């Protein structure tokens, strides 16, 4: 299973449209508007330098246009992306592969096996989703983990995780003050208090 940012890109499209129409100071210039191939011109935003929102807007637009072409051409959009900043980039494929459960734990998430068991039925693609015919055509087992199948539902809570920094008494701070350190870069981030339910299949 390869991780993807497609969902976030879809959310950004609506934001791009709203800001472009409501804010005169932001001008999105795309290859489509210039009547050249999509891969020929990165999306840019003419804005005040250093504004985080405008950087996010530009990055979301790059992602949106990048999804409309192949990997090599899509990488062109990210050579000057404010969050990538890598002029040598040759691919936009994610470096993350597998179920990523250990990665989520490193990023401050908490996995609870008891909660996983509660949602196990949602990973039965016959009894719960009525998709047995489609799965049979693909040669995929429909059963959930609890019923001896390969499909496991995992619930991850972005709060109270093992990587959350404890206070001076070694206790968890209030949720709105919880932070964790990403060991890969040494940066500190706040938890989002989001709850994720994902499917892994072995």
N, C-alpha and C. Protein backbone atom coordinates (compact mmCIF):
# COMPACT_ATOMS: atom_id res chain seq x y z
N UNK A 1 0.86 -1.20 0.00
CA UNK A 1 0.00 0.00 0.00
C UNK A 1 0.88 1.23 0.00
N UNK A 2 0.73 2.11 -0.95
CA UNK A 2 1.54 3.31 -1.04
C UNK A 2 0.73 4.51 -0.56
N UNK A 3 1.35 5.30 0.29
CA UNK A 3 0.66 6.47 0.82
C UNK A 3 0.49 7.51 -0.27
N UNK A 4 -0.57 8.31 -0.17
CA UNK A 4 -0.84 9.31 -1.19
C UNK A 4 -1.40 10.57 -0.56
N UNK A 5 -1.15 11.71 -1.23
CA UNK A 5 -1.68 12.99 -0.75
C UNK A 5 -2.88 13.43 -1.56
N UNK A 6 -3.49 12.51 -2.32
CA UNK A 6 -4.59 12.85 -3.21
C UNK A 6 -5.74 13.51 -2.48
N UNK A 7 -6.09 12.98 -1.30
CA UNK A 7 -7.21 13.54 -0.55
C UNK A 7 -6.99 15.00 -0.22
N UNK A 8 -5.75 15.32 0.23
CA UNK A 8 -5.45 16.70 0.59
C UNK A 8 -5.52 17.60 -0.64
N UNK A 9 -5.10 17.08 -1.79
CA UNK A 9 -5.14 17.88 -3.01
C UNK A 9 -6.57 18.24 -3.37
N UNK A 10 -7.49 17.27 -3.22
CA UNK A 10 -8.89 17.53 -3.55
C UNK A 10 -9.46 18.62 -2.67
N UNK A 11 -9.06 18.63 -1.41
CA UNK A 11 -9.53 19.66 -0.50
C UNK A 11 -8.99 21.03 -0.90
N UNK A 12 -7.74 21.03 -1.39
CA UNK A 12 -7.12 22.30 -1.75
C UNK A 12 -7.76 22.92 -2.97
N UNK A 13 -8.31 22.11 -3.87
CA UNK A 13 -8.89 22.64 -5.11
C UNK A 13 -9.97 23.66 -4.80
N UNK A 14 -10.85 23.32 -3.85
CA UNK A 14 -11.91 24.24 -3.48
C UNK A 14 -11.37 25.52 -2.90
N UNK A 15 -10.32 25.40 -2.08
CA UNK A 15 -9.71 26.58 -1.47
C UNK A 15 -9.08 27.47 -2.54
N UNK A 16 -8.44 26.84 -3.51
CA UNK A 16 -7.81 27.60 -4.59
C UNK A 16 -8.85 28.40 -5.35
N UNK A 17 -9.98 27.78 -5.67
CA UNK A 17 -11.02 28.46 -6.42
C UNK A 17 -11.59 29.63 -5.64
N UNK A 18 -11.83 29.42 -4.33
CA UNK A 18 -12.42 30.49 -3.52
C UNK A 18 -11.48 31.67 -3.39
N UNK A 19 -10.20 31.38 -3.08
CA UNK A 19 -9.26 32.47 -2.88
C UNK A 19 -9.00 33.22 -4.17
N UNK A 20 -8.89 32.50 -5.27
CA UNK A 20 -8.62 33.15 -6.55
C UNK A 20 -9.73 34.09 -6.94
N UNK A 21 -10.97 33.77 -6.57
CA UNK A 21 -12.10 34.62 -6.96
C UNK A 21 -12.36 35.74 -5.97
N UNK A 22 -12.01 35.52 -4.67
CA UNK A 22 -12.35 36.49 -3.64
C UNK A 22 -11.22 37.44 -3.28
N UNK A 23 -9.97 37.09 -3.61
CA UNK A 23 -8.84 37.89 -3.18
C UNK A 23 -8.10 38.44 -4.38
N UNK A 24 -8.20 39.73 -4.59
CA UNK A 24 -7.62 40.34 -5.78
C UNK A 24 -6.10 40.30 -5.76
N UNK A 25 -5.49 40.20 -4.55
CA UNK A 25 -4.03 40.26 -4.45
C UNK A 25 -3.37 38.95 -4.81
N UNK A 26 -4.15 37.88 -5.00
CA UNK A 26 -3.57 36.59 -5.35
C UNK A 26 -3.95 36.25 -6.78
N UNK A 27 -2.95 36.08 -7.62
CA UNK A 27 -3.18 35.75 -9.01
C UNK A 27 -2.54 34.41 -9.31
N UNK A 28 -3.35 33.41 -9.61
CA UNK A 28 -2.80 32.10 -9.97
C UNK A 28 -2.54 32.07 -11.46
N UNK A 29 -1.33 31.72 -11.84
CA UNK A 29 -0.96 31.64 -13.24
C UNK A 29 -0.65 30.19 -13.54
N UNK A 30 -1.42 29.55 -14.38
CA UNK A 30 -1.20 28.14 -14.69
C UNK A 30 -0.86 27.98 -16.16
N UNK A 31 -0.31 26.81 -16.47
CA UNK A 31 0.02 26.51 -17.86
C UNK A 31 -1.23 26.51 -18.72
N UNK A 32 -2.36 26.06 -18.15
CA UNK A 32 -3.60 26.01 -18.92
C UNK A 32 -4.00 27.41 -19.38
N UNK A 33 -3.87 28.41 -18.47
CA UNK A 33 -4.25 29.78 -18.82
C UNK A 33 -3.33 30.36 -19.89
N UNK A 34 -2.06 29.88 -19.91
CA UNK A 34 -1.11 30.40 -20.87
C UNK A 34 -1.14 29.63 -22.18
N UNK A 35 -2.07 28.67 -22.29
CA UNK A 35 -2.24 27.88 -23.50
C UNK A 35 -0.96 27.14 -23.89
N UNK A 36 -0.28 26.56 -22.87
CA UNK A 36 0.89 25.72 -23.11
C UNK A 36 0.65 24.41 -22.38
N UNK A 37 1.40 23.36 -22.70
CA UNK A 37 1.21 22.08 -22.02
C UNK A 37 1.30 22.23 -20.51
N UNK A 38 0.51 21.43 -19.80
CA UNK A 38 0.47 21.53 -18.35
C UNK A 38 1.85 21.40 -17.70
N UNK A 39 2.69 20.57 -18.30
CA UNK A 39 3.99 20.33 -17.68
C UNK A 39 4.99 21.45 -17.93
N UNK A 40 4.63 22.40 -18.78
CA UNK A 40 5.61 23.40 -19.21
C UNK A 40 5.74 24.59 -18.27
N UNK A 41 4.78 24.79 -17.39
CA UNK A 41 4.81 26.01 -16.57
C UNK A 41 4.32 25.70 -15.16
N UNK A 42 5.19 25.78 -14.14
CA UNK A 42 4.73 25.53 -12.77
C UNK A 42 3.70 26.58 -12.35
N UNK A 43 2.81 26.19 -11.48
CA UNK A 43 1.84 27.15 -10.94
C UNK A 43 2.56 28.07 -9.97
N UNK A 44 2.28 29.37 -10.05
CA UNK A 44 2.88 30.32 -9.12
C UNK A 44 1.78 31.19 -8.53
N UNK A 45 2.05 31.74 -7.37
CA UNK A 45 1.12 32.67 -6.75
C UNK A 45 1.85 33.97 -6.50
N UNK A 46 1.33 35.07 -7.04
CA UNK A 46 1.94 36.37 -6.86
C UNK A 46 1.40 36.95 -5.56
N UNK A 47 2.19 36.88 -4.51
CA UNK A 47 1.72 37.26 -3.18
C UNK A 47 2.86 37.86 -2.39
N UNK A 48 2.54 38.33 -1.18
CA UNK A 48 3.56 38.83 -0.28
C UNK A 48 4.42 37.65 0.19
N UNK A 49 5.74 37.84 0.16
CA UNK A 49 6.66 36.76 0.53
C UNK A 49 6.49 36.38 1.98
N UNK A 50 6.68 35.09 2.25
CA UNK A 50 6.68 34.62 3.62
C UNK A 50 5.32 34.31 4.20
N UNK A 51 4.25 34.47 3.43
CA UNK A 51 2.92 34.20 3.96
C UNK A 51 2.64 32.70 3.87
N UNK A 52 2.41 32.07 5.02
CA UNK A 52 2.23 30.62 5.04
C UNK A 52 1.02 30.17 4.23
N UNK A 53 -0.06 30.94 4.31
CA UNK A 53 -1.26 30.55 3.57
C UNK A 53 -1.00 30.54 2.08
N UNK A 54 -0.29 31.56 1.61
CA UNK A 54 -0.03 31.65 0.18
C UNK A 54 0.92 30.55 -0.28
N UNK A 55 1.87 30.17 0.58
CA UNK A 55 2.74 29.04 0.25
C UNK A 55 1.92 27.75 0.14
N UNK A 56 0.98 27.58 1.08
CA UNK A 56 0.13 26.38 1.05
C UNK A 56 -0.75 26.38 -0.20
N UNK A 57 -1.23 27.54 -0.59
CA UNK A 57 -2.06 27.67 -1.79
C UNK A 57 -1.27 27.27 -3.03
N UNK A 58 -0.07 27.76 -3.13
CA UNK A 58 0.79 27.44 -4.27
C UNK A 58 1.09 25.95 -4.31
N UNK A 59 1.42 25.38 -3.15
CA UNK A 59 1.75 23.97 -3.09
C UNK A 59 0.54 23.10 -3.46
N UNK A 60 -0.64 23.49 -2.99
CA UNK A 60 -1.85 22.75 -3.33
C UNK A 60 -2.15 22.81 -4.82
N UNK A 61 -1.91 23.96 -5.43
CA UNK A 61 -2.12 24.10 -6.87
C UNK A 61 -1.12 23.24 -7.64
N UNK A 62 0.13 23.22 -7.19
CA UNK A 62 1.12 22.36 -7.83
C UNK A 62 0.69 20.90 -7.77
N UNK A 63 0.17 20.49 -6.61
CA UNK A 63 -0.28 19.12 -6.45
C UNK A 63 -1.45 18.81 -7.37
N UNK A 64 -2.39 19.76 -7.47
CA UNK A 64 -3.56 19.57 -8.32
C UNK A 64 -3.16 19.37 -9.78
N UNK A 65 -2.31 20.25 -10.30
CA UNK A 65 -1.90 20.13 -11.70
C UNK A 65 -0.98 18.93 -11.90
N UNK A 66 -0.16 18.62 -10.89
CA UNK A 66 0.73 17.47 -10.99
C UNK A 66 -0.02 16.16 -11.13
N UNK A 67 -1.21 16.07 -10.53
CA UNK A 67 -1.99 14.84 -10.59
C UNK A 67 -2.58 14.59 -11.98
N UNK A 68 -2.52 15.59 -12.83
CA UNK A 68 -3.11 15.45 -14.16
C UNK A 68 -2.12 14.96 -15.21
N UNK A 69 -0.91 14.63 -14.77
CA UNK A 69 0.09 14.20 -15.74
C UNK A 69 0.88 13.03 -15.17
N UNK A 70 1.93 12.61 -15.87
CA UNK A 70 2.69 11.45 -15.39
C UNK A 70 3.72 11.89 -14.35
N UNK A 71 4.39 10.90 -13.76
CA UNK A 71 5.30 11.15 -12.65
C UNK A 71 6.44 12.09 -13.01
N UNK A 72 7.07 11.86 -14.16
CA UNK A 72 8.22 12.69 -14.54
C UNK A 72 7.81 14.15 -14.73
N UNK A 73 6.70 14.36 -15.42
CA UNK A 73 6.25 15.72 -15.66
C UNK A 73 5.73 16.36 -14.37
N UNK A 74 5.08 15.55 -13.54
CA UNK A 74 4.55 16.09 -12.28
C UNK A 74 5.66 16.61 -11.39
N UNK A 75 6.82 15.95 -11.44
CA UNK A 75 7.93 16.38 -10.59
C UNK A 75 8.39 17.80 -10.94
N UNK A 76 8.14 18.22 -12.19
CA UNK A 76 8.52 19.57 -12.62
C UNK A 76 7.85 20.64 -11.76
N UNK A 77 6.58 20.39 -11.36
CA UNK A 77 5.84 21.37 -10.58
C UNK A 77 6.43 21.57 -9.19
N UNK A 78 7.17 20.57 -8.72
CA UNK A 78 7.65 20.63 -7.34
C UNK A 78 9.10 21.07 -7.21
N UNK A 79 9.74 21.37 -8.31
CA UNK A 79 11.13 21.82 -8.24
C UNK A 79 11.26 23.13 -7.47
N UNK A 80 10.24 23.98 -7.54
CA UNK A 80 10.27 25.26 -6.83
C UNK A 80 9.17 25.34 -5.78
N UNK A 81 8.56 24.19 -5.44
CA UNK A 81 7.47 24.19 -4.45
C UNK A 81 8.00 24.66 -3.10
N UNK A 82 7.25 25.52 -2.37
CA UNK A 82 7.74 26.06 -1.10
C UNK A 82 7.99 25.00 -0.03
N UNK A 83 7.36 23.84 -0.15
CA UNK A 83 7.54 22.80 0.86
C UNK A 83 8.50 21.70 0.42
N UNK A 84 8.86 21.68 -0.83
CA UNK A 84 9.80 20.68 -1.33
C UNK A 84 11.18 21.29 -1.51
N UNK A 85 11.24 22.39 -2.25
CA UNK A 85 12.47 23.15 -2.45
C UNK A 85 13.64 22.26 -2.86
N UNK A 86 13.40 21.47 -3.89
CA UNK A 86 14.44 20.56 -4.38
C UNK A 86 14.49 20.64 -5.90
N UNK A 87 15.40 21.45 -6.44
CA UNK A 87 15.46 21.60 -7.91
C UNK A 87 15.91 20.34 -8.62
N UNK A 88 16.40 19.34 -7.89
CA UNK A 88 16.87 18.11 -8.52
C UNK A 88 15.81 17.01 -8.49
N UNK A 89 14.64 17.29 -7.97
CA UNK A 89 13.62 16.26 -7.81
C UNK A 89 13.25 15.64 -9.16
N UNK A 90 13.17 14.31 -9.20
CA UNK A 90 12.87 13.59 -10.43
C UNK A 90 11.58 12.78 -10.35
N UNK A 91 11.01 12.64 -9.15
CA UNK A 91 9.80 11.84 -8.97
C UNK A 91 8.98 12.41 -7.83
N UNK A 92 7.68 12.20 -7.90
CA UNK A 92 6.79 12.61 -6.80
C UNK A 92 6.24 11.39 -6.08
N UNK A 93 6.80 10.21 -6.38
CA UNK A 93 6.38 9.01 -5.68
C UNK A 93 6.75 9.11 -4.20
N UNK A 94 5.84 8.64 -3.35
CA UNK A 94 6.09 8.70 -1.91
C UNK A 94 7.21 7.74 -1.53
N UNK A 95 8.02 8.16 -0.57
CA UNK A 95 9.08 7.29 -0.05
C UNK A 95 8.53 6.30 0.97
N UNK A 96 7.28 6.50 1.37
CA UNK A 96 6.65 5.64 2.38
C UNK A 96 5.92 4.49 1.69
N UNK A 97 6.17 3.28 2.16
CA UNK A 97 5.53 2.11 1.58
C UNK A 97 5.14 1.17 2.72
N UNK A 98 4.18 0.28 2.47
CA UNK A 98 3.72 -0.61 3.52
C UNK A 98 2.53 -0.02 4.26
N UNK A 99 2.20 -0.56 5.43
CA UNK A 99 1.01 -0.07 6.14
C UNK A 99 1.29 1.19 6.96
N UNK A 100 2.57 1.53 7.14
CA UNK A 100 2.99 2.79 7.79
C UNK A 100 2.56 2.90 9.25
N UNK A 101 2.17 1.82 9.88
CA UNK A 101 1.70 1.91 11.26
C UNK A 101 2.80 2.39 12.20
N UNK A 102 4.01 1.91 12.01
CA UNK A 102 5.12 2.35 12.85
C UNK A 102 5.43 3.83 12.62
N UNK A 103 5.27 4.28 11.37
CA UNK A 103 5.50 5.69 11.08
C UNK A 103 4.49 6.57 11.81
N UNK A 104 3.22 6.15 11.80
CA UNK A 104 2.20 6.93 12.50
C UNK A 104 2.51 7.05 13.99
N UNK A 105 3.03 5.98 14.58
CA UNK A 105 3.38 6.03 16.00
C UNK A 105 4.50 7.05 16.22
N UNK A 106 5.47 7.08 15.32
CA UNK A 106 6.57 8.05 15.42
C UNK A 106 6.05 9.47 15.32
N UNK A 107 4.94 9.65 14.61
CA UNK A 107 4.38 10.99 14.40
C UNK A 107 3.35 11.37 15.45
N UNK A 108 3.39 10.70 16.59
CA UNK A 108 2.55 11.10 17.71
C UNK A 108 1.20 10.44 17.78
N UNK A 109 0.91 9.49 16.89
CA UNK A 109 -0.38 8.80 16.93
C UNK A 109 -0.37 7.68 17.96
N UNK A 110 -1.55 7.30 18.39
CA UNK A 110 -1.72 6.20 19.33
C UNK A 110 -2.63 5.15 18.72
N UNK A 111 -2.16 3.89 18.76
CA UNK A 111 -2.98 2.78 18.28
C UNK A 111 -3.48 1.98 19.47
N UNK A 112 -4.76 1.67 19.47
CA UNK A 112 -5.38 0.94 20.57
C UNK A 112 -6.01 -0.33 20.01
N UNK A 113 -5.48 -1.49 20.40
CA UNK A 113 -5.99 -2.75 19.87
C UNK A 113 -7.45 -2.98 20.23
N UNK A 114 -7.86 -2.49 21.40
CA UNK A 114 -9.27 -2.64 21.79
C UNK A 114 -10.17 -1.87 20.85
N UNK A 115 -9.74 -0.68 20.44
CA UNK A 115 -10.51 0.11 19.49
C UNK A 115 -10.49 -0.54 18.11
N UNK A 116 -9.35 -1.14 17.74
CA UNK A 116 -9.28 -1.85 16.46
C UNK A 116 -10.31 -2.97 16.41
N UNK A 117 -10.46 -3.68 17.53
CA UNK A 117 -11.40 -4.80 17.57
C UNK A 117 -12.84 -4.33 17.38
N UNK A 118 -13.15 -3.13 17.89
CA UNK A 118 -14.51 -2.60 17.79
C UNK A 118 -14.91 -2.33 16.34
N UNK A 119 -13.94 -2.00 15.51
CA UNK A 119 -14.26 -1.66 14.11
C UNK A 119 -13.88 -2.78 13.15
N UNK A 120 -13.56 -3.96 13.70
CA UNK A 120 -13.14 -5.08 12.85
C UNK A 120 -14.20 -5.44 11.81
N UNK A 121 -15.46 -5.34 12.19
CA UNK A 121 -16.54 -5.72 11.25
C UNK A 121 -16.51 -4.88 9.97
N UNK A 122 -15.98 -3.66 10.07
CA UNK A 122 -15.94 -2.79 8.91
C UNK A 122 -14.93 -3.27 7.87
N UNK A 123 -14.08 -4.23 8.26
CA UNK A 123 -13.10 -4.78 7.32
C UNK A 123 -13.53 -6.13 6.76
N UNK A 124 -14.80 -6.46 6.94
CA UNK A 124 -15.37 -7.64 6.29
C UNK A 124 -16.08 -7.16 5.03
N UNK A 125 -15.47 -7.42 3.88
CA UNK A 125 -15.98 -6.84 2.64
C UNK A 125 -17.12 -7.64 2.02
N UNK A 126 -17.51 -8.71 2.69
CA UNK A 126 -18.70 -9.45 2.27
C UNK A 126 -19.88 -9.07 3.15
N UNK A 127 -19.79 -9.37 4.43
CA UNK A 127 -20.90 -9.13 5.35
C UNK A 127 -21.20 -7.65 5.55
N UNK A 128 -20.16 -6.83 5.60
CA UNK A 128 -20.36 -5.40 5.92
C UNK A 128 -20.53 -4.55 4.66
N UNK A 129 -19.68 -4.77 3.66
CA UNK A 129 -19.69 -3.91 2.48
C UNK A 129 -20.40 -4.52 1.26
N UNK A 130 -20.73 -5.82 1.33
CA UNK A 130 -21.41 -6.50 0.23
C UNK A 130 -20.63 -6.39 -1.09
N UNK A 131 -19.33 -6.62 -1.00
CA UNK A 131 -18.47 -6.49 -2.19
C UNK A 131 -17.81 -7.81 -2.57
N UNK A 132 -18.40 -8.93 -2.16
CA UNK A 132 -17.77 -10.24 -2.37
C UNK A 132 -17.53 -10.53 -3.86
N UNK A 133 -18.50 -10.21 -4.69
CA UNK A 133 -18.34 -10.51 -6.12
C UNK A 133 -17.12 -9.81 -6.71
N UNK A 134 -16.96 -8.55 -6.37
CA UNK A 134 -15.82 -7.80 -6.90
C UNK A 134 -14.51 -8.38 -6.37
N UNK A 135 -14.50 -8.73 -5.08
CA UNK A 135 -13.29 -9.29 -4.48
C UNK A 135 -12.97 -10.65 -5.08
N UNK A 136 -14.00 -11.46 -5.32
CA UNK A 136 -13.78 -12.77 -5.92
C UNK A 136 -13.17 -12.65 -7.31
N UNK A 137 -13.63 -11.67 -8.09
CA UNK A 137 -13.09 -11.46 -9.44
C UNK A 137 -11.60 -11.12 -9.39
N UNK A 138 -11.20 -10.44 -8.31
CA UNK A 138 -9.80 -10.04 -8.16
C UNK A 138 -8.98 -11.07 -7.38
N UNK A 139 -9.66 -12.11 -6.89
CA UNK A 139 -8.97 -13.13 -6.12
C UNK A 139 -8.54 -12.66 -4.75
N UNK A 140 -9.33 -11.77 -4.14
CA UNK A 140 -8.98 -11.21 -2.84
C UNK A 140 -9.94 -11.74 -1.78
N UNK A 141 -9.39 -12.13 -0.64
CA UNK A 141 -10.19 -12.62 0.48
C UNK A 141 -10.97 -11.45 1.09
N UNK A 142 -12.25 -11.64 1.37
CA UNK A 142 -13.09 -10.56 1.91
C UNK A 142 -13.11 -10.52 3.43
N UNK A 143 -12.60 -11.56 4.10
CA UNK A 143 -12.77 -11.69 5.55
C UNK A 143 -11.89 -10.71 6.33
N UNK A 144 -12.40 -10.31 7.49
CA UNK A 144 -11.64 -9.44 8.39
C UNK A 144 -10.66 -10.28 9.21
N UNK A 145 -9.77 -9.61 9.91
CA UNK A 145 -8.76 -10.30 10.71
C UNK A 145 -9.39 -11.21 11.75
N UNK A 146 -10.43 -10.73 12.42
CA UNK A 146 -11.08 -11.52 13.47
C UNK A 146 -11.70 -12.79 12.93
N UNK A 147 -12.04 -12.79 11.65
CA UNK A 147 -12.64 -13.97 11.02
C UNK A 147 -11.63 -14.77 10.20
N UNK A 148 -10.34 -14.56 10.51
CA UNK A 148 -9.30 -15.33 9.85
C UNK A 148 -8.85 -14.79 8.51
N UNK A 149 -9.29 -13.58 8.17
CA UNK A 149 -8.92 -12.98 6.89
C UNK A 149 -7.72 -12.06 6.98
N UNK A 150 -7.33 -11.48 5.84
CA UNK A 150 -6.15 -10.61 5.80
C UNK A 150 -6.44 -9.13 6.04
N UNK A 151 -7.72 -8.79 6.16
CA UNK A 151 -8.09 -7.37 6.22
C UNK A 151 -8.26 -6.90 7.67
N UNK A 152 -7.45 -5.92 8.03
CA UNK A 152 -7.49 -5.41 9.40
C UNK A 152 -7.77 -3.92 9.41
N UNK A 153 -8.75 -3.51 10.21
CA UNK A 153 -9.03 -2.09 10.41
C UNK A 153 -8.19 -1.58 11.57
N UNK A 154 -7.56 -0.45 11.36
CA UNK A 154 -6.69 0.14 12.38
C UNK A 154 -7.18 1.54 12.69
N UNK A 155 -7.33 1.83 13.97
CA UNK A 155 -7.76 3.17 14.39
C UNK A 155 -6.58 3.86 15.06
N UNK A 156 -6.27 5.04 14.58
CA UNK A 156 -5.13 5.81 15.08
C UNK A 156 -5.61 7.17 15.58
N UNK A 157 -5.25 7.47 16.81
CA UNK A 157 -5.69 8.71 17.46
C UNK A 157 -4.49 9.64 17.60
N UNK A 158 -4.59 10.84 17.03
CA UNK A 158 -3.45 11.77 17.08
C UNK A 158 -3.47 12.59 18.36
N UNK A 159 -3.34 11.89 19.46
CA UNK A 159 -3.21 12.49 20.80
C UNK A 159 -2.81 11.38 21.76
N UNK A 160 -2.17 11.76 22.86
CA UNK A 160 -1.83 10.83 23.95
C UNK A 160 -0.92 9.68 23.50
N UNK A 161 -0.21 9.85 22.39
CA UNK A 161 0.67 8.80 21.89
C UNK A 161 1.96 8.68 22.69
N UNK A 162 2.68 7.60 22.44
CA UNK A 162 3.95 7.36 23.15
C UNK A 162 4.98 8.43 22.85
N UNK A 163 4.92 9.03 21.66
CA UNK A 163 5.90 10.05 21.28
C UNK A 163 5.55 11.45 21.74
N UNK A 164 4.37 11.62 22.35
CA UNK A 164 3.99 12.94 22.86
C UNK A 164 4.91 13.31 24.03
N UNK A 165 5.45 14.51 24.00
CA UNK A 165 6.37 14.97 25.04
C UNK A 165 5.62 15.15 26.36
N UNK A 166 6.11 14.49 27.40
CA UNK A 166 5.50 14.59 28.73
C UNK A 166 5.93 15.87 29.44
N UNK A 167 5.17 16.27 30.46
CA UNK A 167 5.52 17.46 31.23
C UNK A 167 6.58 17.11 32.27
N UNK A 168 6.89 18.05 33.14
CA UNK A 168 7.97 17.84 34.12
C UNK A 168 7.66 16.72 35.11
N UNK A 169 6.38 16.38 35.25
CA UNK A 169 5.98 15.28 36.13
C UNK A 169 5.79 13.98 35.37
N UNK A 170 6.27 13.95 34.11
CA UNK A 170 6.16 12.79 33.23
C UNK A 170 4.71 12.41 32.96
N UNK A 171 3.84 13.42 32.88
CA UNK A 171 2.43 13.19 32.57
C UNK A 171 2.09 13.85 31.24
N UNK A 172 1.02 13.36 30.63
CA UNK A 172 0.58 13.94 29.37
C UNK A 172 -0.01 15.33 29.61
N UNK A 173 0.40 16.33 28.83
CA UNK A 173 -0.20 17.66 28.92
C UNK A 173 -1.64 17.63 28.39
N UNK A 174 -2.42 18.69 28.60
CA UNK A 174 -3.75 18.78 27.96
C UNK A 174 -3.60 18.64 26.45
N UNK A 175 -4.63 18.13 25.80
CA UNK A 175 -4.54 17.85 24.37
C UNK A 175 -4.12 19.06 23.55
N UNK A 176 -4.64 20.24 23.89
CA UNK A 176 -4.31 21.42 23.10
C UNK A 176 -2.88 21.90 23.31
N UNK A 177 -2.14 21.25 24.22
CA UNK A 177 -0.74 21.60 24.46
C UNK A 177 0.21 20.46 24.12
N UNK A 178 -0.33 19.37 23.59
CA UNK A 178 0.51 18.21 23.30
C UNK A 178 1.33 18.42 22.03
N UNK A 179 2.61 18.02 22.12
CA UNK A 179 3.53 18.12 20.99
C UNK A 179 4.37 16.85 20.92
N UNK A 180 4.91 16.59 19.75
CA UNK A 180 5.82 15.46 19.58
C UNK A 180 6.97 15.91 18.71
N UNK A 181 8.08 15.18 18.78
CA UNK A 181 9.26 15.51 18.00
C UNK A 181 9.45 14.47 16.91
N UNK A 182 9.53 14.94 15.69
CA UNK A 182 9.78 14.06 14.55
C UNK A 182 11.27 13.75 14.52
N UNK A 183 11.62 12.50 14.83
CA UNK A 183 13.03 12.12 14.92
C UNK A 183 13.77 12.25 13.60
N UNK A 184 13.04 12.21 12.49
CA UNK A 184 13.71 12.27 11.19
C UNK A 184 14.29 13.65 10.89
N UNK A 185 13.71 14.69 11.53
CA UNK A 185 14.19 16.05 11.26
C UNK A 185 14.45 16.86 12.52
N UNK A 186 14.03 16.32 13.69
CA UNK A 186 14.24 17.03 14.95
C UNK A 186 13.26 18.14 15.22
N UNK A 187 12.24 18.30 14.35
CA UNK A 187 11.28 19.37 14.53
C UNK A 187 10.16 18.95 15.49
N UNK A 188 9.62 19.94 16.16
CA UNK A 188 8.52 19.70 17.10
C UNK A 188 7.20 20.13 16.46
N UNK A 189 6.19 19.26 16.59
CA UNK A 189 4.88 19.53 16.01
C UNK A 189 3.79 19.33 17.05
N UNK A 190 2.67 20.02 16.88
CA UNK A 190 1.52 19.82 17.74
C UNK A 190 0.67 18.67 17.21
N UNK A 191 0.03 17.95 18.13
CA UNK A 191 -0.90 16.91 17.69
C UNK A 191 -2.14 17.59 17.13
N UNK A 192 -2.86 16.88 16.27
CA UNK A 192 -4.05 17.45 15.63
C UNK A 192 -5.35 16.98 16.27
N UNK A 193 -5.27 15.98 17.16
CA UNK A 193 -6.45 15.40 17.82
C UNK A 193 -7.41 14.76 16.83
N UNK A 194 -6.90 14.38 15.66
CA UNK A 194 -7.73 13.71 14.66
C UNK A 194 -7.76 12.19 14.93
N UNK A 195 -8.79 11.55 14.44
CA UNK A 195 -8.96 10.11 14.59
C UNK A 195 -9.02 9.49 13.20
N UNK A 196 -8.09 8.59 12.90
CA UNK A 196 -8.02 7.97 11.59
C UNK A 196 -8.42 6.50 11.67
N UNK A 197 -9.19 6.06 10.71
CA UNK A 197 -9.48 4.63 10.57
C UNK A 197 -8.97 4.21 9.20
N UNK A 198 -8.02 3.28 9.17
CA UNK A 198 -7.43 2.86 7.91
C UNK A 198 -7.50 1.34 7.78
N UNK A 199 -7.40 0.86 6.56
CA UNK A 199 -7.43 -0.56 6.28
C UNK A 199 -6.07 -1.04 5.86
N UNK A 200 -5.61 -2.13 6.46
CA UNK A 200 -4.40 -2.79 6.00
C UNK A 200 -4.78 -4.21 5.59
N UNK A 201 -4.11 -4.72 4.60
CA UNK A 201 -4.40 -6.07 4.11
C UNK A 201 -3.10 -6.81 3.89
N UNK A 202 -3.00 -8.01 4.43
CA UNK A 202 -1.78 -8.80 4.34
C UNK A 202 -2.01 -10.07 3.54
